[in-house]
N, C-alpha and C. Protein backbone atom coordinates (compact mmCIF):
# COMPACT_ATOMS: atom_id res chain seq x y z
N MET A 1 -45.51 32.41 0.32
CA MET A 1 -45.71 32.33 1.76
C MET A 1 -45.25 30.97 2.29
N ARG A 2 -46.00 29.92 1.96
CA ARG A 2 -45.61 28.61 2.43
C ARG A 2 -45.32 27.69 1.25
N ASN A 3 -44.86 28.25 0.15
CA ASN A 3 -44.56 27.48 -1.04
C ASN A 3 -43.45 26.47 -0.78
N HIS A 4 -42.62 26.75 0.23
CA HIS A 4 -41.52 25.84 0.52
C HIS A 4 -42.01 24.44 0.83
N SER A 5 -43.17 24.30 1.42
CA SER A 5 -43.66 22.98 1.78
C SER A 5 -43.96 22.14 0.55
N PHE A 6 -44.54 22.78 -0.47
CA PHE A 6 -44.81 22.03 -1.69
C PHE A 6 -43.51 21.59 -2.34
N ILE A 7 -42.56 22.49 -2.40
CA ILE A 7 -41.27 22.16 -2.99
C ILE A 7 -40.58 21.07 -2.19
N LEU A 8 -40.59 21.20 -0.87
CA LEU A 8 -39.97 20.19 -0.02
C LEU A 8 -40.69 18.86 -0.17
N GLY A 9 -42.00 18.91 -0.26
CA GLY A 9 -42.76 17.67 -0.45
C GLY A 9 -42.38 16.97 -1.73
N SER A 10 -42.22 17.74 -2.80
CA SER A 10 -41.82 17.16 -4.08
C SER A 10 -40.43 16.55 -4.00
N VAL A 11 -39.54 17.26 -3.32
CA VAL A 11 -38.18 16.74 -3.16
C VAL A 11 -38.21 15.46 -2.35
N VAL A 12 -38.97 15.46 -1.29
CA VAL A 12 -39.07 14.28 -0.44
C VAL A 12 -39.61 13.11 -1.24
N LEU A 13 -40.62 13.35 -2.03
CA LEU A 13 -41.22 12.26 -2.79
C LEU A 13 -40.25 11.67 -3.79
N SER A 14 -39.52 12.51 -4.49
CA SER A 14 -38.62 11.99 -5.51
C SER A 14 -37.32 11.46 -4.92
N LEU A 15 -36.71 12.20 -4.04
CA LEU A 15 -35.43 11.77 -3.48
C LEU A 15 -35.59 10.74 -2.39
N GLY A 16 -36.63 10.85 -1.62
CA GLY A 16 -36.82 9.92 -0.51
C GLY A 16 -37.00 8.49 -0.98
N VAL A 17 -37.76 8.31 -2.04
CA VAL A 17 -37.95 6.96 -2.56
C VAL A 17 -36.62 6.40 -3.05
N ALA A 18 -35.89 7.20 -3.79
CA ALA A 18 -34.60 6.75 -4.30
C ALA A 18 -33.64 6.45 -3.16
N ALA A 19 -33.59 7.34 -2.21
CA ALA A 19 -32.68 7.13 -1.08
C ALA A 19 -33.06 5.88 -0.30
N SER A 20 -34.34 5.70 -0.08
CA SER A 20 -34.79 4.53 0.66
C SER A 20 -34.38 3.25 -0.03
N ALA A 21 -34.67 3.18 -1.30
CA ALA A 21 -34.38 1.96 -2.04
C ALA A 21 -32.89 1.69 -2.11
N LEU A 22 -32.14 2.71 -2.39
CA LEU A 22 -30.71 2.50 -2.55
C LEU A 22 -30.00 2.25 -1.24
N LEU A 23 -30.42 2.89 -0.18
CA LEU A 23 -29.80 2.63 1.11
C LEU A 23 -30.09 1.21 1.57
N VAL A 24 -31.31 0.75 1.32
CA VAL A 24 -31.64 -0.63 1.68
C VAL A 24 -30.89 -1.58 0.77
N GLN A 25 -30.90 -1.28 -0.53
CA GLN A 25 -30.21 -2.14 -1.48
C GLN A 25 -28.72 -2.23 -1.16
N ALA A 26 -28.14 -1.12 -0.74
CA ALA A 26 -26.72 -1.09 -0.42
C ALA A 26 -26.43 -1.71 0.95
N GLY A 27 -27.49 -2.03 1.69
CA GLY A 27 -27.30 -2.66 3.00
C GLY A 27 -27.08 -1.65 4.11
N ASP A 28 -27.34 -0.36 3.85
CA ASP A 28 -27.16 0.64 4.89
C ASP A 28 -28.30 0.64 5.90
N LEU A 29 -29.41 0.04 5.55
CA LEU A 29 -30.55 -0.03 6.46
C LEU A 29 -31.04 -1.47 6.53
N ASN A 30 -31.55 -1.85 7.65
CA ASN A 30 -32.14 -3.17 7.80
C ASN A 30 -33.64 -2.98 7.73
N SER A 31 -34.19 -3.08 6.51
CA SER A 31 -35.59 -2.75 6.33
C SER A 31 -36.18 -3.57 5.20
N ARG A 32 -37.50 -3.69 5.19
CA ARG A 32 -38.20 -4.44 4.14
C ARG A 32 -38.35 -3.58 2.89
N PRO A 33 -38.32 -4.18 1.70
CA PRO A 33 -38.51 -3.42 0.47
C PRO A 33 -39.87 -2.74 0.41
N ALA A 34 -40.88 -3.29 1.09
CA ALA A 34 -42.20 -2.67 1.06
C ALA A 34 -42.18 -1.26 1.64
N LEU A 35 -41.19 -0.99 2.45
CA LEU A 35 -41.10 0.34 3.05
C LEU A 35 -40.62 1.38 2.06
N LEU A 36 -40.26 0.94 0.87
CA LEU A 36 -39.71 1.84 -0.12
C LEU A 36 -40.78 2.50 -0.96
N ALA A 37 -42.03 2.21 -0.71
CA ALA A 37 -43.11 2.67 -1.58
C ALA A 37 -43.05 4.16 -1.85
N MET A 38 -42.82 4.95 -0.86
CA MET A 38 -42.68 6.39 -1.06
C MET A 38 -42.19 7.05 0.21
N ALA A 39 -41.67 8.22 0.08
CA ALA A 39 -41.24 8.98 1.24
C ALA A 39 -42.43 9.75 1.79
N ASP A 40 -42.37 10.05 3.03
CA ASP A 40 -43.43 10.79 3.69
C ASP A 40 -43.42 12.23 3.19
N ILE A 41 -44.58 12.71 2.73
CA ILE A 41 -44.67 14.08 2.24
C ILE A 41 -44.26 15.06 3.34
N GLY A 42 -44.53 14.72 4.56
CA GLY A 42 -44.17 15.58 5.67
C GLY A 42 -42.85 15.20 6.29
N ALA A 43 -41.91 14.75 5.52
CA ALA A 43 -40.66 14.24 6.07
C ALA A 43 -39.78 15.32 6.68
N ILE A 44 -39.94 16.54 6.27
CA ILE A 44 -39.10 17.60 6.83
C ILE A 44 -39.95 18.42 7.79
N LYS A 45 -39.61 18.34 9.05
CA LYS A 45 -40.39 19.06 10.06
C LYS A 45 -39.98 20.52 10.05
N ASN A 46 -40.98 21.38 9.98
CA ASN A 46 -40.66 22.81 10.04
C ASN A 46 -40.83 23.29 11.48
N ASP A 47 -40.70 24.57 11.67
CA ASP A 47 -40.74 25.12 13.02
C ASP A 47 -42.15 25.58 13.42
N LEU A 48 -43.16 24.91 12.91
CA LEU A 48 -44.55 25.25 13.20
C LEU A 48 -44.88 24.94 14.66
N SER A 49 -45.47 25.87 15.31
CA SER A 49 -45.88 25.67 16.69
C SER A 49 -47.18 24.87 16.73
N PRO A 50 -47.30 23.92 17.66
CA PRO A 50 -48.55 23.17 17.79
C PRO A 50 -49.72 24.08 18.16
N ASP A 51 -49.42 25.27 18.65
CA ASP A 51 -50.47 26.21 19.01
C ASP A 51 -50.95 27.03 17.82
N ASP A 52 -50.28 26.91 16.69
CA ASP A 52 -50.67 27.63 15.48
C ASP A 52 -52.06 27.17 15.05
N PRO A 53 -53.02 28.09 14.91
CA PRO A 53 -54.39 27.70 14.55
C PRO A 53 -54.46 26.94 13.23
N ALA A 54 -53.60 27.27 12.27
CA ALA A 54 -53.62 26.58 10.98
C ALA A 54 -53.25 25.11 11.13
N ALA A 55 -52.44 24.81 12.11
CA ALA A 55 -52.00 23.43 12.31
C ALA A 55 -53.04 22.59 13.04
N ASN A 56 -54.02 23.22 13.62
CA ASN A 56 -55.02 22.50 14.41
C ASN A 56 -56.38 22.48 13.75
N VAL A 57 -56.41 22.66 12.45
CA VAL A 57 -57.67 22.64 11.71
C VAL A 57 -58.16 21.20 11.63
N THR A 58 -59.41 20.97 12.02
CA THR A 58 -59.99 19.64 11.93
C THR A 58 -60.51 19.41 10.51
N TRP A 59 -60.80 18.16 10.18
CA TRP A 59 -61.32 17.83 8.85
C TRP A 59 -62.60 18.63 8.58
N ALA A 60 -63.46 18.74 9.56
CA ALA A 60 -64.72 19.46 9.39
C ALA A 60 -64.51 20.95 9.10
N GLN A 61 -63.38 21.49 9.51
CA GLN A 61 -63.10 22.92 9.30
C GLN A 61 -62.46 23.20 7.95
N LEU A 62 -62.05 22.17 7.23
CA LEU A 62 -61.44 22.40 5.92
C LEU A 62 -62.48 22.89 4.93
N THR A 63 -62.01 23.65 3.94
CA THR A 63 -62.91 24.09 2.88
C THR A 63 -63.25 22.91 1.98
N ASP A 64 -64.28 23.05 1.16
CA ASP A 64 -64.64 21.99 0.22
C ASP A 64 -63.47 21.66 -0.70
N GLN A 65 -62.76 22.69 -1.17
CA GLN A 65 -61.63 22.48 -2.07
C GLN A 65 -60.52 21.72 -1.36
N GLN A 66 -60.23 22.06 -0.12
CA GLN A 66 -59.19 21.37 0.65
C GLN A 66 -59.57 19.91 0.88
N ARG A 67 -60.84 19.68 1.21
CA ARG A 67 -61.29 18.30 1.44
C ARG A 67 -61.20 17.47 0.16
N LEU A 68 -61.50 18.09 -0.97
CA LEU A 68 -61.42 17.38 -2.24
C LEU A 68 -59.99 16.95 -2.53
N VAL A 69 -59.05 17.87 -2.37
CA VAL A 69 -57.64 17.57 -2.63
C VAL A 69 -57.10 16.55 -1.64
N LEU A 70 -57.44 16.72 -0.39
CA LEU A 70 -56.89 15.90 0.68
C LEU A 70 -57.75 14.68 1.03
N ALA A 71 -58.68 14.34 0.17
CA ALA A 71 -59.61 13.22 0.42
C ALA A 71 -58.92 11.92 0.84
N PRO A 72 -57.76 11.56 0.27
CA PRO A 72 -57.12 10.32 0.73
C PRO A 72 -56.77 10.32 2.23
N LEU A 73 -56.71 11.48 2.83
CA LEU A 73 -56.33 11.58 4.24
C LEU A 73 -57.52 11.76 5.17
N LYS A 74 -58.72 11.69 4.63
CA LYS A 74 -59.92 11.96 5.42
C LYS A 74 -59.97 11.16 6.72
N GLY A 75 -59.73 9.88 6.64
CA GLY A 75 -59.86 9.02 7.81
C GLY A 75 -58.84 9.28 8.91
N GLU A 76 -57.74 9.89 8.55
CA GLU A 76 -56.69 10.10 9.55
C GLU A 76 -56.35 11.56 9.80
N TRP A 77 -57.03 12.47 9.11
CA TRP A 77 -56.69 13.89 9.20
C TRP A 77 -56.61 14.37 10.64
N ASP A 78 -57.61 14.05 11.42
CA ASP A 78 -57.66 14.58 12.79
C ASP A 78 -56.61 13.97 13.71
N THR A 79 -55.88 12.95 13.23
CA THR A 79 -54.82 12.36 14.04
C THR A 79 -53.42 12.77 13.57
N LEU A 80 -53.35 13.52 12.47
CA LEU A 80 -52.05 13.98 11.97
C LEU A 80 -51.44 14.97 12.94
N ARG A 81 -50.12 14.99 12.98
CA ARG A 81 -49.40 15.97 13.79
C ARG A 81 -49.61 17.36 13.19
N PRO A 82 -49.50 18.39 14.01
CA PRO A 82 -49.71 19.75 13.49
C PRO A 82 -48.86 20.09 12.28
N TRP A 83 -47.59 19.74 12.30
CA TRP A 83 -46.73 20.08 11.17
C TRP A 83 -47.11 19.29 9.92
N GLN A 84 -47.67 18.09 10.09
CA GLN A 84 -48.12 17.32 8.93
C GLN A 84 -49.36 17.98 8.32
N ARG A 85 -50.26 18.42 9.18
CA ARG A 85 -51.46 19.10 8.68
C ARG A 85 -51.07 20.36 7.91
N GLU A 86 -50.12 21.10 8.47
CA GLU A 86 -49.69 22.34 7.82
C GLU A 86 -49.13 22.04 6.43
N LYS A 87 -48.33 21.02 6.31
CA LYS A 87 -47.76 20.65 5.01
C LYS A 87 -48.85 20.24 4.04
N MET A 88 -49.82 19.50 4.52
CA MET A 88 -50.92 19.08 3.65
C MET A 88 -51.77 20.28 3.22
N LEU A 89 -51.95 21.22 4.12
CA LEU A 89 -52.68 22.44 3.76
C LEU A 89 -51.92 23.24 2.70
N ASP A 90 -50.60 23.24 2.80
CA ASP A 90 -49.77 23.90 1.78
C ASP A 90 -49.97 23.23 0.43
N ILE A 91 -50.01 21.91 0.42
CA ILE A 91 -50.23 21.18 -0.83
C ILE A 91 -51.60 21.53 -1.40
N ALA A 92 -52.62 21.53 -0.55
CA ALA A 92 -53.97 21.87 -1.01
C ALA A 92 -54.03 23.29 -1.56
N HIS A 93 -53.27 24.20 -0.96
CA HIS A 93 -53.22 25.59 -1.41
C HIS A 93 -52.58 25.69 -2.80
N GLN A 94 -51.52 24.91 -3.03
CA GLN A 94 -50.80 24.94 -4.30
C GLN A 94 -51.51 24.14 -5.40
N TYR A 95 -52.34 23.21 -5.02
CA TYR A 95 -52.95 22.28 -5.95
C TYR A 95 -53.64 22.93 -7.15
N PRO A 96 -54.47 23.95 -6.97
CA PRO A 96 -55.14 24.56 -8.13
C PRO A 96 -54.17 25.19 -9.13
N LYS A 97 -52.98 25.54 -8.69
CA LYS A 97 -51.99 26.17 -9.56
C LYS A 97 -51.17 25.15 -10.34
N MET A 98 -51.32 23.88 -10.00
CA MET A 98 -50.54 22.82 -10.65
C MET A 98 -51.19 22.42 -11.98
N ASP A 99 -50.34 21.94 -12.89
CA ASP A 99 -50.90 21.40 -14.13
C ASP A 99 -51.51 20.04 -13.81
N ALA A 100 -52.25 19.49 -14.74
CA ALA A 100 -52.98 18.24 -14.51
C ALA A 100 -52.04 17.09 -14.14
N GLN A 101 -50.87 17.04 -14.75
CA GLN A 101 -49.93 15.97 -14.46
C GLN A 101 -49.44 16.03 -13.01
N LYS A 102 -49.13 17.24 -12.54
CA LYS A 102 -48.68 17.39 -11.14
C LYS A 102 -49.82 17.05 -10.18
N GLN A 103 -51.03 17.47 -10.52
CA GLN A 103 -52.17 17.16 -9.67
C GLN A 103 -52.36 15.65 -9.54
N GLN A 104 -52.23 14.96 -10.68
CA GLN A 104 -52.37 13.50 -10.66
C GLN A 104 -51.29 12.87 -9.79
N ARG A 105 -50.07 13.38 -9.90
CA ARG A 105 -48.96 12.85 -9.10
C ARG A 105 -49.21 13.09 -7.61
N VAL A 106 -49.67 14.27 -7.26
CA VAL A 106 -49.97 14.58 -5.86
C VAL A 106 -51.03 13.63 -5.32
N GLN A 107 -52.09 13.41 -6.10
CA GLN A 107 -53.15 12.51 -5.65
C GLN A 107 -52.62 11.09 -5.44
N LYS A 108 -51.80 10.62 -6.38
CA LYS A 108 -51.23 9.28 -6.27
C LYS A 108 -50.36 9.18 -5.03
N GLN A 109 -49.55 10.21 -4.77
CA GLN A 109 -48.65 10.18 -3.61
C GLN A 109 -49.42 10.28 -2.30
N LEU A 110 -50.49 11.06 -2.29
CA LEU A 110 -51.30 11.15 -1.07
C LEU A 110 -51.94 9.81 -0.75
N VAL A 111 -52.40 9.10 -1.77
CA VAL A 111 -52.98 7.78 -1.55
C VAL A 111 -51.92 6.83 -0.99
N LYS A 112 -50.73 6.83 -1.59
CA LYS A 112 -49.66 5.97 -1.10
C LYS A 112 -49.30 6.32 0.34
N TRP A 113 -49.18 7.61 0.61
CA TRP A 113 -48.80 8.05 1.95
C TRP A 113 -49.86 7.64 2.96
N SER A 114 -51.13 7.77 2.58
CA SER A 114 -52.21 7.44 3.52
C SER A 114 -52.25 5.95 3.84
N ARG A 115 -51.70 5.13 2.96
CA ARG A 115 -51.70 3.68 3.17
C ARG A 115 -50.51 3.17 3.97
N MET A 116 -49.54 4.04 4.19
CA MET A 116 -48.36 3.63 4.97
C MET A 116 -48.70 3.61 6.45
N THR A 117 -48.07 2.69 7.15
CA THR A 117 -48.25 2.66 8.60
C THR A 117 -47.37 3.74 9.22
N PRO A 118 -47.65 4.12 10.45
CA PRO A 118 -46.77 5.09 11.11
C PRO A 118 -45.31 4.62 11.14
N TYR A 119 -45.10 3.33 11.31
CA TYR A 119 -43.75 2.78 11.31
C TYR A 119 -43.08 3.00 9.95
N GLU A 120 -43.79 2.74 8.87
CA GLU A 120 -43.24 2.94 7.53
C GLU A 120 -42.93 4.42 7.27
N ARG A 121 -43.82 5.28 7.72
CA ARG A 121 -43.60 6.72 7.55
C ARG A 121 -42.35 7.18 8.30
N GLU A 122 -42.20 6.70 9.52
CA GLU A 122 -41.04 7.09 10.31
C GLU A 122 -39.75 6.59 9.66
N ASN A 123 -39.78 5.37 9.14
CA ASN A 123 -38.61 4.85 8.44
C ASN A 123 -38.30 5.67 7.20
N ALA A 124 -39.32 6.08 6.49
CA ALA A 124 -39.11 6.92 5.30
C ALA A 124 -38.47 8.25 5.70
N ARG A 125 -38.93 8.82 6.79
CA ARG A 125 -38.34 10.07 7.28
C ARG A 125 -36.85 9.89 7.60
N LYS A 126 -36.56 8.80 8.30
CA LYS A 126 -35.16 8.54 8.69
C LYS A 126 -34.29 8.35 7.45
N ARG A 127 -34.79 7.59 6.48
CA ARG A 127 -34.01 7.36 5.27
C ARG A 127 -33.78 8.66 4.51
N TYR A 128 -34.80 9.49 4.47
CA TYR A 128 -34.65 10.78 3.79
C TYR A 128 -33.58 11.61 4.50
N GLN A 129 -33.61 11.63 5.82
CA GLN A 129 -32.60 12.39 6.56
C GLN A 129 -31.21 11.82 6.31
N GLN A 130 -31.09 10.50 6.23
CA GLN A 130 -29.80 9.89 5.92
C GLN A 130 -29.33 10.33 4.53
N PHE A 131 -30.26 10.33 3.59
CA PHE A 131 -29.92 10.73 2.23
C PHE A 131 -29.44 12.18 2.21
N GLN A 132 -30.14 13.03 2.94
CA GLN A 132 -29.78 14.45 2.97
C GLN A 132 -28.39 14.68 3.57
N SER A 133 -27.94 13.78 4.41
CA SER A 133 -26.63 13.96 5.05
C SER A 133 -25.47 13.51 4.15
N LEU A 134 -25.79 12.90 3.02
CA LEU A 134 -24.75 12.43 2.11
C LEU A 134 -24.15 13.58 1.32
N SER A 135 -22.96 13.37 0.82
CA SER A 135 -22.31 14.37 -0.04
C SER A 135 -23.06 14.45 -1.37
N PRO A 136 -22.96 15.57 -2.07
CA PRO A 136 -23.61 15.68 -3.38
C PRO A 136 -23.17 14.58 -4.35
N GLU A 137 -21.90 14.20 -4.27
CA GLU A 137 -21.39 13.15 -5.15
C GLU A 137 -22.08 11.81 -4.86
N LYS A 138 -22.19 11.48 -3.58
CA LYS A 138 -22.82 10.21 -3.19
C LYS A 138 -24.31 10.23 -3.57
N LYS A 139 -24.96 11.38 -3.41
CA LYS A 139 -26.37 11.48 -3.80
C LYS A 139 -26.52 11.19 -5.29
N GLU A 140 -25.63 11.75 -6.09
CA GLU A 140 -25.70 11.55 -7.53
C GLU A 140 -25.47 10.08 -7.89
N VAL A 141 -24.53 9.44 -7.22
CA VAL A 141 -24.28 8.02 -7.45
C VAL A 141 -25.55 7.21 -7.11
N LEU A 142 -26.17 7.52 -5.99
CA LEU A 142 -27.39 6.81 -5.59
C LEU A 142 -28.53 7.05 -6.56
N ARG A 143 -28.66 8.28 -7.06
CA ARG A 143 -29.70 8.57 -8.05
C ARG A 143 -29.50 7.74 -9.31
N LYS A 144 -28.26 7.65 -9.77
CA LYS A 144 -27.97 6.86 -10.97
C LYS A 144 -28.25 5.38 -10.71
N GLN A 145 -27.87 4.90 -9.54
CA GLN A 145 -28.13 3.49 -9.20
C GLN A 145 -29.63 3.22 -9.13
N TRP A 146 -30.37 4.18 -8.60
CA TRP A 146 -31.82 4.03 -8.50
C TRP A 146 -32.46 3.96 -9.88
N LYS A 147 -32.02 4.83 -10.78
CA LYS A 147 -32.57 4.80 -12.15
C LYS A 147 -32.26 3.47 -12.82
N GLU A 148 -31.07 2.95 -12.62
CA GLU A 148 -30.69 1.66 -13.19
C GLU A 148 -31.52 0.55 -12.57
N HIS A 149 -31.74 0.61 -11.26
CA HIS A 149 -32.57 -0.38 -10.57
C HIS A 149 -33.99 -0.37 -11.14
N GLN A 150 -34.55 0.82 -11.33
CA GLN A 150 -35.90 0.94 -11.90
C GLN A 150 -35.95 0.35 -13.31
N ARG A 151 -34.93 0.64 -14.11
CA ARG A 151 -34.88 0.16 -15.47
C ARG A 151 -34.85 -1.37 -15.49
N LYS A 152 -34.00 -1.96 -14.66
CA LYS A 152 -33.90 -3.42 -14.60
C LYS A 152 -35.19 -4.06 -14.11
N ALA A 153 -35.79 -3.47 -13.09
CA ALA A 153 -37.05 -4.00 -12.57
C ALA A 153 -38.14 -3.94 -13.63
N ALA A 154 -38.17 -2.85 -14.36
CA ALA A 154 -39.17 -2.70 -15.42
C ALA A 154 -38.97 -3.74 -16.50
N ALA A 155 -37.73 -3.97 -16.88
CA ALA A 155 -37.43 -4.95 -17.93
C ALA A 155 -37.82 -6.36 -17.48
N SER A 156 -37.51 -6.69 -16.24
CA SER A 156 -37.80 -8.05 -15.78
C SER A 156 -39.28 -8.26 -15.48
N GLU A 157 -39.99 -7.21 -15.16
CA GLU A 157 -41.41 -7.33 -14.83
C GLU A 157 -42.32 -6.90 -15.96
N GLY A 158 -41.74 -6.40 -17.05
CA GLY A 158 -42.52 -6.07 -18.24
C GLY A 158 -43.39 -4.83 -18.13
N TYR A 159 -42.89 -3.78 -17.53
CA TYR A 159 -43.65 -2.54 -17.50
C TYR A 159 -42.74 -1.37 -17.84
N ASP A 160 -43.36 -0.25 -18.15
CA ASP A 160 -42.64 0.96 -18.52
C ASP A 160 -42.50 1.84 -17.29
N PRO A 161 -41.27 2.06 -16.77
CA PRO A 161 -41.12 2.86 -15.55
C PRO A 161 -41.47 4.33 -15.77
N GLU A 162 -41.54 4.77 -17.00
CA GLU A 162 -41.88 6.17 -17.29
C GLU A 162 -43.39 6.38 -17.35
N PHE A 163 -44.16 5.31 -17.49
CA PHE A 163 -45.61 5.43 -17.60
C PHE A 163 -46.20 5.68 -16.22
N ASP A 164 -46.97 6.75 -16.11
CA ASP A 164 -47.58 7.09 -14.81
C ASP A 164 -49.08 6.90 -14.80
N GLY A 165 -49.63 6.32 -15.86
CA GLY A 165 -51.08 6.10 -15.91
C GLY A 165 -51.83 7.24 -16.57
N ALA A 166 -51.15 8.34 -16.87
CA ALA A 166 -51.82 9.48 -17.48
C ALA A 166 -52.08 9.19 -18.96
N GLU A 167 -53.15 9.71 -19.46
CA GLU A 167 -53.47 9.59 -20.87
C GLU A 167 -52.49 10.42 -21.67
N PRO A 168 -52.05 9.92 -22.83
CA PRO A 168 -51.14 10.72 -23.66
C PRO A 168 -51.83 11.98 -24.16
N ASN A 169 -51.05 13.04 -24.32
CA ASN A 169 -51.60 14.32 -24.79
C ASN A 169 -51.86 14.32 -26.26
C-alpha cells in the first residue's frame, strides 16, 4: 500500500547523505559540513492531500506501537507537515517487519533527523533533489568518491566506518 515511503526513505537516507557530502565537497553547494549529517526521511514529497485524515493524526492519536517507533519525533510531531507525518506513519507501519539491524538504523536516523533544524532539513532535501537530477554515471562517481571520503576520514580519525554500534551476531 504505502511501502514506497519506506523504500524512498531508505534511498533518501543512503543517497542523500552521500550526495550532500560530495556536492559540498565538490563545491557545488555553499553549505556547512554539519548539514551533511543525514538526508531528510521525508525528502520526497508525495501527492498526499493536507485534508487526508492520516496526515493529520496528532501525537495523542497515534497507537502505542507508533509512538514507540516514532518516539524521537514526539516533541515535534504535531508541527510536522502532513506529508512528513504520512511518511513517518509508513515507517512505523513497516517497522515490525524489519529485522533488528534495520530497526536500529531507523531509530538512529529518526534521532538524527529530529535533531536537524528546519534549515538543515530543507538543505538536505535540495541536495537530494540535485543528486536525483544527475546522470547515473555521475551518481556512481559520487558514490565512489563518498566511499573513499568515508574511508579516509575513518583512517584519520581512528574509527571503523562499517561499525554501526550493533552487537556482533
